Amino acid sequence: MSGSLLVQVLVSGLAAGGVYGLVAVGHTLVFRLTGVVHLALGDLVALGVFTTLLVASGTGPTAEGAAGWRFWLGVAAGIAACMLVGAGGYVAVIQPYLARGWTVGWVAGTLALGFAIRALLQALLPRSSYVFPDPLGVDGTVTLAGATIQVRSLVVIAIVAGLAVLAAWVLEQTRFGRALQAISTDSEGALFVGIPVERFVVLAFALVGALAALAAIAAAPGAPFDIDAGAVLGVKGLLAAIAVGFASPRRALFAGVALGLGEAAIANLDPAGLGVGPAWREVLPLALVLLVLALRPSADAVPERE
């Protein structure tokens, strides 16, 4: 295997895996705070991406000319939409069932929220896929260690790394982040010492969707984006979070990156000579994660919450 091919695999894998990792961070935060698996998170990602697209360029097949203030207004609108629907979804379709201890209720509620978001987007955006705007103009390539690398991949890696550092700083260095850690450890104890548990959980639901949507917005110009793409990101992020047992946001991020690197390796390499190629890039890593989960003792699959 040549060094240039290895560099291509690493860069493309880090770019895709970073997005999966941020979605996995969102899943992990939600689960550790509430014990809920946010089945609508992927659709929230699609909501953020397509709200940005609608504001920036309307419903046309391409987004040429969508740059400058209009694009950034679209990004702000996409983030705001994710925050509003994320927080509202928790209040309307999750918290009432959590209060009653009815698991089936919040599972059905999150599924219904996801289908509602998808139906709305399909009504507003009838085309099968859309070309997302690239206002930064980073469609070129650079040569790195003999490999031809898309500049967009490097930009996505930088954005994901920045968002990951920001999220870690918020969780570890701010009062809000430390309160979330206290809630995830012992929600009753956090309430006893005066932490406004419900208010902080609502805000956390608002922020996790926005975090994942930002990563998807950064990556979207790399290829045509359709409504189902958000759900696929949600599933991959969820599998990455489950693979590490929702142990911590940091581990979830690394698991997402590992999943992306696995996809890139399968798409570009065939060390065993089995004829495995791009058609298997999404199937085999997901199958491997599912196999690991099936073989893992059930008591270790997901940590119990207080």
C-alpha atoms as a PDB file:
ATOM      1  CA  MET A   1       0.000   0.000   0.000  1.00  0.00           C
ATOM      2  CA  SER A   2       1.452   3.339  -1.046  1.00  0.00           C
ATOM      3  CA  GLY A   3       1.896   6.207   1.373  1.00  0.00           C
ATOM      4  CA  SER A   4      -0.230   8.503  -0.783  1.00  0.00           C
ATOM      5  CA  LEU A   5      -3.165   6.081  -0.683  1.00  0.00           C
ATOM      6  CA  LEU A   6      -2.844   5.817   3.087  1.00  0.00           C
ATOM      7  CA  VAL A   7      -2.980   9.612   3.385  1.00  0.00           C
ATOM      8  CA  GLN A   8      -6.128   9.703   1.233  1.00  0.00           C
ATOM      9  CA  VAL A   9      -7.767   7.080   3.430  1.00  0.00           C
ATOM     10  CA  LEU A  10      -6.815   8.931   6.622  1.00  0.00           C
ATOM     11  CA  VAL A  11      -8.049  12.329   5.439  1.00  0.00           C
ATOM     12  CA  SER A  12     -11.331  11.127   3.958  1.00  0.00           C
ATOM     13  CA  GLY A  13     -11.947   8.855   6.955  1.00  0.00           C
ATOM     14  CA  LEU A  14     -11.270  11.604   9.474  1.00  0.00           C
ATOM     15  CA  ALA A  15     -13.601  13.998   7.640  1.00  0.00           C
ATOM     16  CA  ALA A  16     -16.517  11.553   7.513  1.00  0.00           C
ATOM     17  CA  GLY A  17     -15.811  10.010  10.904  1.00  0.00           C
ATOM     18  CA  GLY A  18     -15.637  13.397  12.581  1.00  0.00           C
ATOM     19  CA  VAL A  19     -19.219  14.102  11.520  1.00  0.00           C
ATOM     20  CA  TYR A  20     -20.330  10.662  12.748  1.00  0.00           C
ATOM     21  CA  GLY A  21     -18.483  11.338  15.983  1.00  0.00           C
ATOM     22  CA  LEU A  22     -20.242  14.629  16.677  1.00  0.00           C
ATOM     23  CA  VAL A  23     -23.617  12.960  16.103  1.00  0.00           C
ATOM     24  CA  ALA A  24     -22.483  10.205  18.497  1.00  0.00           C
ATOM     25  CA  VAL A  25     -21.587  12.881  21.055  1.00  0.00           C
ATOM     26  CA  GLY A  26     -25.142  14.196  20.801  1.00  0.00           C
ATOM     27  CA  HIS A  27     -26.596  10.717  21.313  1.00  0.00           C
ATOM     28  CA  THR A  28     -24.318  10.130  24.291  1.00  0.00           C
ATOM     29  CA  LEU A  29     -25.168  13.405  26.016  1.00  0.00           C
ATOM     30  CA  VAL A  30     -28.895  12.808  25.593  1.00  0.00           C
ATOM     31  CA  PHE A  31     -28.686   9.267  26.906  1.00  0.00           C
ATOM     32  CA  ARG A  32     -26.510  10.101  29.892  1.00  0.00           C
ATOM     33  CA  LEU A  33     -28.838  12.939  30.896  1.00  0.00           C
ATOM     34  CA  THR A  34     -32.158  11.156  30.420  1.00  0.00           C
ATOM     35  CA  GLY A  35     -31.696   7.495  29.517  1.00  0.00           C
ATOM     36  CA  VAL A  36     -33.376   8.262  26.188  1.00  0.00           C
ATOM     37  CA  VAL A  37     -32.124   7.119  22.779  1.00  0.00           C
ATOM     38  CA  HIS A  38     -32.851  10.129  20.576  1.00  0.00           C
ATOM     39  CA  LEU A  39     -34.252   8.385  17.500  1.00  0.00           C
ATOM     40  CA  ALA A  40     -35.045  11.713  15.809  1.00  0.00           C
ATOM     41  CA  LEU A  41     -31.535  13.177  16.053  1.00  0.00           C
ATOM     42  CA  GLY A  42     -30.634  12.288  12.463  1.00  0.00           C
ATOM     43  CA  ASP A  43     -33.781  13.994  11.198  1.00  0.00           C
ATOM     44  CA  LEU A  44     -32.845  17.058  13.262  1.00  0.00           C
ATOM     45  CA  VAL A  45     -29.549  17.081  11.373  1.00  0.00           C
ATOM     46  CA  ALA A  46     -31.465  17.057   8.071  1.00  0.00           C
ATOM     47  CA  LEU A  47     -33.695  19.860   9.382  1.00  0.00           C
ATOM     48  CA  GLY A  48     -30.644  22.015  10.081  1.00  0.00           C
ATOM     49  CA  VAL A  49     -29.087  21.350   6.688  1.00  0.00           C
ATOM     50  CA  PHE A  50     -32.240  21.959   4.657  1.00  0.00           C
ATOM     51  CA  THR A  51     -33.356  24.992   6.647  1.00  0.00           C
ATOM     52  CA  THR A  52     -29.977  26.485   5.797  1.00  0.00           C
ATOM     53  CA  LEU A  53     -30.509  25.543   2.145  1.00  0.00           C
ATOM     54  CA  LEU A  54     -34.022  27.020   2.009  1.00  0.00           C
ATOM     55  CA  VAL A  55     -32.954  30.358   3.466  1.00  0.00           C
ATOM     56  CA  ALA A  56     -29.744  30.521   1.419  1.00  0.00           C
ATOM     57  CA  SER A  57     -31.068  29.574  -2.009  1.00  0.00           C
ATOM     58  CA  GLY A  58     -34.691  28.427  -1.996  1.00  0.00           C
ATOM     59  CA  THR A  59     -35.827  25.137  -3.529  1.00  0.00           C
ATOM     60  CA  GLY A  60     -33.835  25.153  -6.763  1.00  0.00           C
ATOM     61  CA  PRO A  61     -31.745  22.113  -7.762  1.00  0.00           C
ATOM     62  CA  THR A  62     -28.489  23.938  -7.059  1.00  0.00           C
ATOM     63  CA  ALA A  63     -27.378  26.694  -4.753  1.00  0.00           C
ATOM     64  CA  GLU A  64     -25.213  28.808  -7.022  1.00  0.00           C
ATOM     65  CA  GLY A  65     -24.716  32.297  -5.758  1.00  0.00           C
ATOM     66  CA  ALA A  66     -25.768  31.415  -2.223  1.00  0.00           C
ATOM     67  CA  ALA A  67     -22.892  33.046  -0.424  1.00  0.00           C
ATOM     68  CA  GLY A  68     -22.127  35.924   1.846  1.00  0.00           C
ATOM     69  CA  TRP A  69     -24.665  37.191   4.334  1.00  0.00           C
ATOM     70  CA  ARG A  70     -27.526  35.122   2.913  1.00  0.00           C
ATOM     71  CA  PHE A  71     -25.718  31.842   3.490  1.00  0.00           C
ATOM     72  CA  TRP A  72     -24.720  32.750   7.034  1.00  0.00           C
ATOM     73  CA  LEU A  73     -28.281  33.847   7.700  1.00  0.00           C
ATOM     74  CA  GLY A  74     -29.314  30.374   6.533  1.00  0.00           C
ATOM     75  CA  VAL A  75     -26.803  28.742   8.891  1.00  0.00           C
ATOM     76  CA  ALA A  76     -28.202  30.775  11.783  1.00  0.00           C
ATOM     77  CA  ALA A  77     -31.744  29.778  10.789  1.00  0.00           C
ATOM     78  CA  GLY A  78     -30.735  26.106  10.566  1.00  0.00           C
ATOM     79  CA  ILE A  79     -29.162  26.155  14.013  1.00  0.00           C
ATOM     80  CA  ALA A  80     -32.176  27.983  15.458  1.00  0.00           C
ATOM     81  CA  ALA A  81     -34.551  25.436  13.903  1.00  0.00           C
ATOM     82  CA  CYS A  82     -32.589  22.539  15.427  1.00  0.00           C
ATOM     83  CA  MET A  83     -32.543  24.189  18.831  1.00  0.00           C
ATOM     84  CA  LEU A  84     -36.265  24.987  18.811  1.00  0.00           C
ATOM     85  CA  VAL A  85     -37.360  21.566  17.561  1.00  0.00           C
ATOM     86  CA  GLY A  86     -34.846  19.785  19.792  1.00  0.00           C
ATOM     87  CA  ALA A  87     -36.001  21.566  22.936  1.00  0.00           C
ATOM     88  CA  GLY A  88     -39.670  21.461  21.938  1.00  0.00           C
ATOM     89  CA  GLY A  89     -39.439  17.780  21.094  1.00  0.00           C
ATOM     90  CA  TYR A  90     -38.094  16.997  24.548  1.00  0.00           C
ATOM     91  CA  VAL A  91     -40.828  19.000  26.276  1.00  0.00           C
ATOM     92  CA  ALA A  92     -43.661  17.652  24.098  1.00  0.00           C
ATOM     93  CA  VAL A  93     -42.846  14.039  23.264  1.00  0.00           C
ATOM     94  CA  ILE A  94     -40.155  12.850  25.697  1.00  0.00           C
ATOM     95  CA  GLN A  95     -40.420  14.451  29.125  1.00  0.00           C
ATOM     96  CA  PRO A  96     -44.120  13.598  29.726  1.00  0.00           C
ATOM     97  CA  TYR A  97     -43.392   9.898  29.177  1.00  0.00           C
ATOM     98  CA  LEU A  98     -40.172   9.999  31.186  1.00  0.00           C
ATOM     99  CA  ALA A  99     -42.099  11.449  34.106  1.00  0.00           C
ATOM    100  CA  ARG A 100     -44.460   8.464  33.937  1.00  0.00           C
ATOM    101  CA  GLY A 101     -41.672   5.945  33.353  1.00  0.00           C
ATOM    102  CA  TRP A 102     -43.220   4.822  30.069  1.00  0.00           C
ATOM    103  CA  THR A 103     -40.431   3.765  27.712  1.00  0.00           C
ATOM    104  CA  VAL A 104     -42.773   2.889  24.842  1.00  0.00           C
ATOM    105  CA  GLY A 105     -44.134   6.440  24.979  1.00  0.00           C
ATOM    106  CA  TRP A 106     -40.832   8.240  24.416  1.00  0.00           C
ATOM    107  CA  VAL A 107     -39.730   5.700  21.804  1.00  0.00           C
ATOM    108  CA  ALA A 108     -42.941   6.297  19.845  1.00  0.00           C
ATOM    109  CA  GLY A 109     -42.672  10.032  20.454  1.00  0.00           C
ATOM    110  CA  THR A 110     -39.133  10.359  19.086  1.00  0.00           C
ATOM    111  CA  LEU A 111     -40.010   8.206  16.076  1.00  0.00           C
ATOM    112  CA  ALA A 112     -43.083  10.345  15.403  1.00  0.00           C
ATOM    113  CA  LEU A 113     -41.005  13.518  15.705  1.00  0.00           C
ATOM    114  CA  GLY A 114     -38.515  12.177  13.178  1.00  0.00           C
ATOM    115  CA  PHE A 115     -41.246  11.203  10.708  1.00  0.00           C
ATOM    116  CA  ALA A 116     -42.900  14.608  11.124  1.00  0.00           C
ATOM    117  CA  ILE A 117     -39.652  16.416  10.338  1.00  0.00           C
ATOM    118  CA  ARG A 118     -39.066  14.206   7.302  1.00  0.00           C
ATOM    119  CA  ALA A 119     -42.616  14.707   6.012  1.00  0.00           C
ATOM    120  CA  LEU A 120     -42.270  18.470   6.350  1.00  0.00           C
ATOM    121  CA  LEU A 121     -38.970  18.502   4.463  1.00  0.00           C
ATOM    122  CA  GLN A 122     -40.364  16.275   1.708  1.00  0.00           C
ATOM    123  CA  ALA A 123     -43.311  18.628   1.272  1.00  0.00           C
ATOM    124  CA  LEU A 124     -41.057  21.688   1.053  1.00  0.00           C
ATOM    125  CA  LEU A 125     -38.254  20.064  -0.972  1.00  0.00           C
ATOM    126  CA  PRO A 126     -39.679  17.723  -3.631  1.00  0.00           C
ATOM    127  CA  ARG A 127     -36.422  16.962  -5.461  1.00  0.00           C
ATOM    128  CA  SER A 128     -34.572  13.721  -4.782  1.00  0.00           C
ATOM    129  CA  SER A 129     -31.359  15.492  -3.754  1.00  0.00           C
ATOM    130  CA  TYR A 130     -29.817  18.931  -3.587  1.00  0.00           C
ATOM    131  CA  VAL A 131     -26.399  20.458  -4.132  1.00  0.00           C
ATOM    132  CA  PHE A 132     -25.495  22.363  -1.011  1.00  0.00           C
ATOM    133  CA  PRO A 133     -23.824  25.799  -1.290  1.00  0.00           C
ATOM    134  CA  ASP A 134     -20.117  26.174  -0.764  1.00  0.00           C
ATOM    135  CA  PRO A 135     -19.624  29.856   0.115  1.00  0.00           C
ATOM    136  CA  LEU A 136     -16.056  29.291   1.299  1.00  0.00           C
ATOM    137  CA  GLY A 137     -14.948  28.264  -2.180  1.00  0.00           C
ATOM    138  CA  VAL A 138     -12.937  25.243  -1.056  1.00  0.00           C
ATOM    139  CA  ASP A 139     -13.650  22.857  -3.920  1.00  0.00           C
ATOM    140  CA  GLY A 140     -10.027  22.574  -5.025  1.00  0.00           C
ATOM    141  CA  THR A 141      -7.380  19.988  -4.233  1.00  0.00           C
ATOM    142  CA  VAL A 142      -3.951  20.002  -2.649  1.00  0.00           C
ATOM    143  CA  THR A 143      -1.085  17.533  -2.753  1.00  0.00           C
ATOM    144  CA  LEU A 144      -0.123  16.053   0.605  1.00  0.00           C
ATOM    145  CA  ALA A 145       2.589  13.379   0.875  1.00  0.00           C
ATOM    146  CA  GLY A 146       2.042  12.552  -2.782  1.00  0.00           C
ATOM    147  CA  ALA A 147      -1.731  12.217  -2.378  1.00  0.00           C
ATOM    148  CA  THR A 148      -4.327  14.451  -4.006  1.00  0.00           C
ATOM    149  CA  ILE A 149      -6.586  15.642  -1.190  1.00  0.00           C
ATOM    150  CA  GLN A 150      -9.803  17.635  -1.441  1.00  0.00           C
ATOM    151  CA  VAL A 151      -9.471  20.915   0.405  1.00  0.00           C
ATOM    152  CA  ARG A 152     -13.045  20.493   1.628  1.00  0.00           C
ATOM    153  CA  SER A 153     -12.032  17.375   3.579  1.00  0.00           C
ATOM    154  CA  LEU A 154      -9.351  19.346   5.410  1.00  0.00           C
ATOM    155  CA  VAL A 155     -11.842  22.133   6.169  1.00  0.00           C
ATOM    156  CA  VAL A 156     -14.376  19.629   7.533  1.00  0.00           C
ATOM    157  CA  ILE A 157     -11.689  18.065   9.752  1.00  0.00           C
ATOM    158  CA  ALA A 158     -10.758  21.497  11.081  1.00  0.00           C
ATOM    159  CA  ILE A 159     -14.392  22.443  11.754  1.00  0.00           C
ATOM    160  CA  VAL A 160     -15.142  19.140  13.475  1.00  0.00           C
ATOM    161  CA  ALA A 161     -11.999  19.427  15.600  1.00  0.00           C
ATOM    162  CA  GLY A 162     -12.963  22.969  16.574  1.00  0.00           C
ATOM    163  CA  LEU A 163     -16.497  21.932  17.513  1.00  0.00           C
ATOM    164  CA  ALA A 164     -15.167  18.976  19.521  1.00  0.00           C
ATOM    165  CA  VAL A 165     -12.755  21.218  21.435  1.00  0.00           C
ATOM    166  CA  LEU A 166     -15.539  23.733  22.057  1.00  0.00           C
ATOM    167  CA  ALA A 167     -17.906  21.027  23.312  1.00  0.00           C
ATOM    168  CA  ALA A 168     -15.209  19.606  25.612  1.00  0.00           C
ATOM    169  CA  TRP A 169     -14.477  23.074  26.992  1.00  0.00           C
ATOM    170  CA  VAL A 170     -18.159  23.721  27.671  1.00  0.00           C
ATOM    171  CA  LEU A 171     -18.594  20.375  29.424  1.00  0.00           C
ATOM    172  CA  GLU A 172     -15.430  20.589  31.502  1.00  0.00           C
ATOM    173  CA  GLN A 173     -14.834  24.287  32.154  1.00  0.00           C
ATOM    174  CA  THR A 174     -18.229  25.972  32.403  1.00  0.00           C
ATOM    175  CA  ARG A 175     -20.827  25.925  35.158  1.00  0.00           C
ATOM    176  CA  PHE A 176     -23.409  24.672  32.679  1.00  0.00           C
ATOM    177  CA  GLY A 177     -21.184  21.792  31.588  1.00  0.00           C
ATOM    178  CA  ARG A 178     -20.351  20.763  35.139  1.00  0.00           C
ATOM    179  CA  ALA A 179     -24.066  20.868  35.962  1.00  0.00           C
ATOM    180  CA  LEU A 180     -24.768  18.532  33.034  1.00  0.00           C
ATOM    181  CA  GLN A 181     -22.119  16.141  34.320  1.00  0.00           C
ATOM    182  CA  ALA A 182     -23.729  16.212  37.752  1.00  0.00           C
ATOM    183  CA  ILE A 183     -27.149  15.509  36.254  1.00  0.00           C
ATOM    184  CA  SER A 184     -25.804  12.598  34.217  1.00  0.00           C
ATOM    185  CA  THR A 185     -24.215  11.116  37.347  1.00  0.00           C
ATOM    186  CA  ASP A 186     -27.112  11.604  39.773  1.00  0.00           C
ATOM    187  CA  SER A 187     -30.100  13.673  38.662  1.00  0.00           C
ATOM    188  CA  GLU A 188     -31.802  13.526  42.054  1.00  0.00           C
ATOM    189  CA  GLY A 189     -28.643  14.654  43.822  1.00  0.00           C
ATOM    190  CA  ALA A 190     -28.211  17.488  41.306  1.00  0.00           C
ATOM    191  CA  LEU A 191     -31.768  18.630  41.974  1.00  0.00           C
ATOM    192  CA  PHE A 192     -31.164  18.457  45.724  1.00  0.00           C
ATOM    193  CA  VAL A 193     -28.189  20.851  45.534  1.00  0.00           C
ATOM    194  CA  GLY A 194     -30.189  23.393  43.543  1.00  0.00           C
ATOM    195  CA  ILE A 195     -29.351  22.632  39.905  1.00  0.00           C
ATOM    196  CA  PRO A 196     -32.359  23.414  37.640  1.00  0.00           C
ATOM    197  CA  VAL A 197     -32.361  19.931  36.126  1.00  0.00           C
ATOM    198  CA  GLU A 198     -35.277  20.248  33.721  1.00  0.00           C
ATOM    199  CA  ARG A 199     -34.167  23.619  32.389  1.00  0.00           C
ATOM    200  CA  PHE A 200     -30.634  22.385  31.736  1.00  0.00           C
ATOM    201  CA  VAL A 201     -31.850  19.183  30.083  1.00  0.00           C
ATOM    202  CA  VAL A 202     -34.108  21.185  27.755  1.00  0.00           C
ATOM    203  CA  LEU A 203     -31.149  23.385  26.830  1.00  0.00           C
ATOM    204  CA  ALA A 204     -28.953  20.316  26.278  1.00  0.00           C
ATOM    205  CA  PHE A 205     -31.531  18.859  23.871  1.00  0.00           C
ATOM    206  CA  ALA A 206     -31.501  22.164  22.013  1.00  0.00           C
ATOM    207  CA  LEU A 207     -27.724  22.200  21.730  1.00  0.00           C
ATOM    208  CA  VAL A 208     -27.003  18.605  20.693  1.00  0.00           C
ATOM    209  CA  GLY A 209     -29.052  18.902  17.513  1.00  0.00           C
ATOM    210  CA  ALA A 210     -27.361  22.191  16.662  1.00  0.00           C
ATOM    211  CA  LEU A 211     -23.922  20.651  17.220  1.00  0.00           C
ATOM    212  CA  ALA A 212     -24.575  17.748  14.873  1.00  0.00           C
ATOM    213  CA  ALA A 213     -26.253  19.995  12.301  1.00  0.00           C
ATOM    214  CA  LEU A 214     -23.212  22.289  12.209  1.00  0.00           C
ATOM    215  CA  ALA A 215     -20.970  19.355  11.375  1.00  0.00           C
ATOM    216  CA  ALA A 216     -23.372  18.172   8.663  1.00  0.00           C
ATOM    217  CA  ILE A 217     -23.621  21.678   7.190  1.00  0.00           C
ATOM    218  CA  ALA A 218     -19.827  21.754   6.956  1.00  0.00           C
ATOM    219  CA  ALA A 219     -19.723  18.378   5.187  1.00  0.00           C
ATOM    220  CA  ALA A 220     -22.830  18.748   2.978  1.00  0.00           C
ATOM    221  CA  PRO A 221     -21.173  20.532   0.016  1.00  0.00           C
ATOM    222  CA  GLY A 222     -18.992  17.471  -0.582  1.00  0.00           C
ATOM    223  CA  ALA A 223     -21.791  15.554  -2.364  1.00  0.00           C
ATOM    224  CA  PRO A 224     -25.504  15.827  -3.220  1.00  0.00           C
ATOM    225  CA  PHE A 225     -27.526  15.757  -0.006  1.00  0.00           C
ATOM    226  CA  ASP A 226     -30.977  14.198   0.343  1.00  0.00           C
ATOM    227  CA  ILE A 227     -33.485  14.023   3.178  1.00  0.00           C
ATOM    228  CA  ASP A 228     -32.544  10.445   4.087  1.00  0.00           C
ATOM    229  CA  ALA A 229     -28.898  11.450   4.523  1.00  0.00           C
ATOM    230  CA  GLY A 230     -29.696  12.940   7.918  1.00  0.00           C
ATOM    231  CA  ALA A 231     -31.283   9.717   9.135  1.00  0.00           C
ATOM    232  CA  VAL A 232     -28.226   7.751   7.941  1.00  0.00           C
ATOM    233  CA  LEU A 233     -25.945  10.076   9.916  1.00  0.00           C
ATOM    234  CA  GLY A 234     -28.179   9.597  12.940  1.00  0.00           C
ATOM    235  CA  VAL A 235     -27.961   5.810  12.709  1.00  0.00           C
ATOM    236  CA  LYS A 236     -24.181   5.807  12.279  1.00  0.00           C
ATOM    237  CA  GLY A 237     -23.742   8.184  15.192  1.00  0.00           C
ATOM    238  CA  LEU A 238     -26.051   6.048  17.324  1.00  0.00           C
ATOM    239  CA  LEU A 239     -24.126   2.866  16.531  1.00  0.00           C
ATOM    240  CA  ALA A 240     -20.858   4.595  17.411  1.00  0.00           C
ATOM    241  CA  ALA A 241     -22.315   5.743  20.742  1.00  0.00           C
ATOM    242  CA  ILE A 242     -23.719   2.274  21.495  1.00  0.00           C
ATOM    243  CA  ALA A 243     -20.406   0.642  20.567  1.00  0.00           C
ATOM    244  CA  VAL A 244     -18.755   2.421  23.522  1.00  0.00           C
ATOM    245  CA  GLY A 245     -21.774   1.925  25.763  1.00  0.00           C
ATOM    246  CA  PHE A 246     -22.626   5.650  25.883  1.00  0.00           C
ATOM    247  CA  ALA A 247     -19.621   5.811  28.224  1.00  0.00           C
ATOM    248  CA  SER A 248     -18.565   9.392  27.514  1.00  0.00           C
ATOM    249  CA  PRO A 249     -18.755  12.027  24.763  1.00  0.00           C
ATOM    250  CA  ARG A 250     -15.014  11.682  24.164  1.00  0.00           C
ATOM    251  CA  ARG A 251     -15.224   7.938  23.544  1.00  0.00           C
ATOM    252  CA  ALA A 252     -18.268   8.432  21.339  1.00  0.00           C
ATOM    253  CA  LEU A 253     -16.326  10.921  19.217  1.00  0.00           C
ATOM    254  CA  PHE A 254     -13.436   8.492  18.797  1.00  0.00           C
ATOM    255  CA  ALA A 255     -15.836   5.665  17.930  1.00  0.00           C
ATOM    256  CA  GLY A 256     -17.392   7.809  15.195  1.00  0.00           C
ATOM    257  CA  VAL A 257     -13.945   8.623  13.820  1.00  0.00           C
ATOM    258  CA  ALA A 258     -13.062   4.913  13.835  1.00  0.00           C
ATOM    259  CA  LEU A 259     -16.242   4.162  11.894  1.00  0.00           C
ATOM    260  CA  GLY A 260     -15.345   6.780   9.288  1.00  0.00           C
ATOM    261  CA  LEU A 261     -11.807   5.443   8.952  1.00  0.00           C
ATOM    262  CA  GLY A 262     -13.182   1.940   8.513  1.00  0.00           C
ATOM    263  CA  GLU A 263     -15.469   3.095   5.717  1.00  0.00           C
ATOM    264  CA  ALA A 264     -12.619   4.911   3.982  1.00  0.00           C
ATOM    265  CA  ALA A 265     -10.314   1.897   4.254  1.00  0.00           C
ATOM    266  CA  ILE A 266     -12.915  -0.438   2.749  1.00  0.00           C
ATOM    267  CA  ALA A 267     -13.669   2.010  -0.065  1.00  0.00           C
ATOM    268  CA  ASN A 268     -10.016   2.444  -1.049  1.00  0.00           C
ATOM    269  CA  LEU A 269      -8.125  -0.636   0.116  1.00  0.00           C
ATOM    270  CA  ASP A 270      -8.435  -4.369  -0.440  1.00  0.00           C
ATOM    271  CA  PRO A 271      -5.523  -5.878   1.501  1.00  0.00           C
ATOM    272  CA  ALA A 272      -7.019  -9.384   1.539  1.00  0.00           C
ATOM    273  CA  GLY A 273      -7.758  -9.402  -2.189  1.00  0.00           C
ATOM    274  CA  LEU A 274     -11.439 -10.207  -1.614  1.00  0.00           C
ATOM    275  CA  GLY A 275     -12.745  -7.702  -4.128  1.00  0.00           C
ATOM    276  CA  VAL A 276     -14.244  -5.557  -1.373  1.00  0.00           C
ATOM    277  CA  GLY A 277     -14.714  -2.019  -2.622  1.00  0.00           C
ATOM    278  CA  PRO A 278     -16.808   1.149  -2.352  1.00  0.00           C
ATOM    279  CA  ALA A 279     -20.083  -0.774  -2.543  1.00  0.00           C
ATOM    280  CA  TRP A 280     -19.255  -2.309   0.849  1.00  0.00           C
ATOM    281  CA  ARG A 281     -17.960   0.833   2.557  1.00  0.00           C
ATOM    282  CA  GLU A 282     -21.086   1.337   4.661  1.00  0.00           C
ATOM    283  CA  VAL A 283     -22.203  -2.268   5.030  1.00  0.00           C
ATOM    284  CA  LEU A 284     -19.120  -3.879   6.569  1.00  0.00           C
ATOM    285  CA  PRO A 285     -18.314  -1.319   9.323  1.00  0.00           C
ATOM    286  CA  LEU A 286     -21.943  -1.281  10.475  1.00  0.00           C
ATOM    287  CA  ALA A 287     -22.069  -5.068  10.363  1.00  0.00           C
ATOM    288  CA  LEU A 288     -18.888  -5.219  12.464  1.00  0.00           C
ATOM    289  CA  VAL A 289     -20.383  -2.858  15.066  1.00  0.00           C
ATOM    290  CA  LEU A 290     -23.549  -4.954  15.227  1.00  0.00           C
ATOM    291  CA  LEU A 291     -21.465  -8.123  15.618  1.00  0.00           C
ATOM    292  CA  VAL A 292     -19.479  -6.578  18.480  1.00  0.00           C
ATOM    293  CA  LEU A 293     -22.706  -5.551  20.192  1.00  0.00           C
ATOM    294  CA  ALA A 294     -24.189  -9.022  19.721  1.00  0.00           C
ATOM    295  CA  LEU A 295     -21.138 -10.677  21.280  1.00  0.00           C
ATOM    296  CA  ARG A 296     -20.865  -8.202  24.161  1.00  0.00           C
ATOM    297  CA  PRO A 297     -22.466  -9.345  27.450  1.00  0.00           C
ATOM    298  CA  SER A 298     -25.830  -7.621  27.810  1.00  0.00           C
ATOM    299  CA  ALA A 299     -24.932  -6.177  31.196  1.00  0.00           C
ATOM    300  CA  ASP A 300     -22.038  -4.280  29.603  1.00  0.00           C
ATOM    301  CA  ALA A 301     -23.845  -3.040  26.499  1.00  0.00           C
ATOM    302  CA  VAL A 302     -25.342   0.086  28.028  1.00  0.00           C
ATOM    303  CA  PRO A 303     -24.548   1.527  31.439  1.00  0.00           C
ATOM    304  CA  GLU A 304     -27.330   1.777  33.982  1.00  0.00           C
ATOM    305  CA  ARG A 305     -28.396   5.241  35.055  1.00  0.00           C
ATOM    306  CA  GLU A 306     -29.170   6.403  38.538  1.00  0.00           C
END
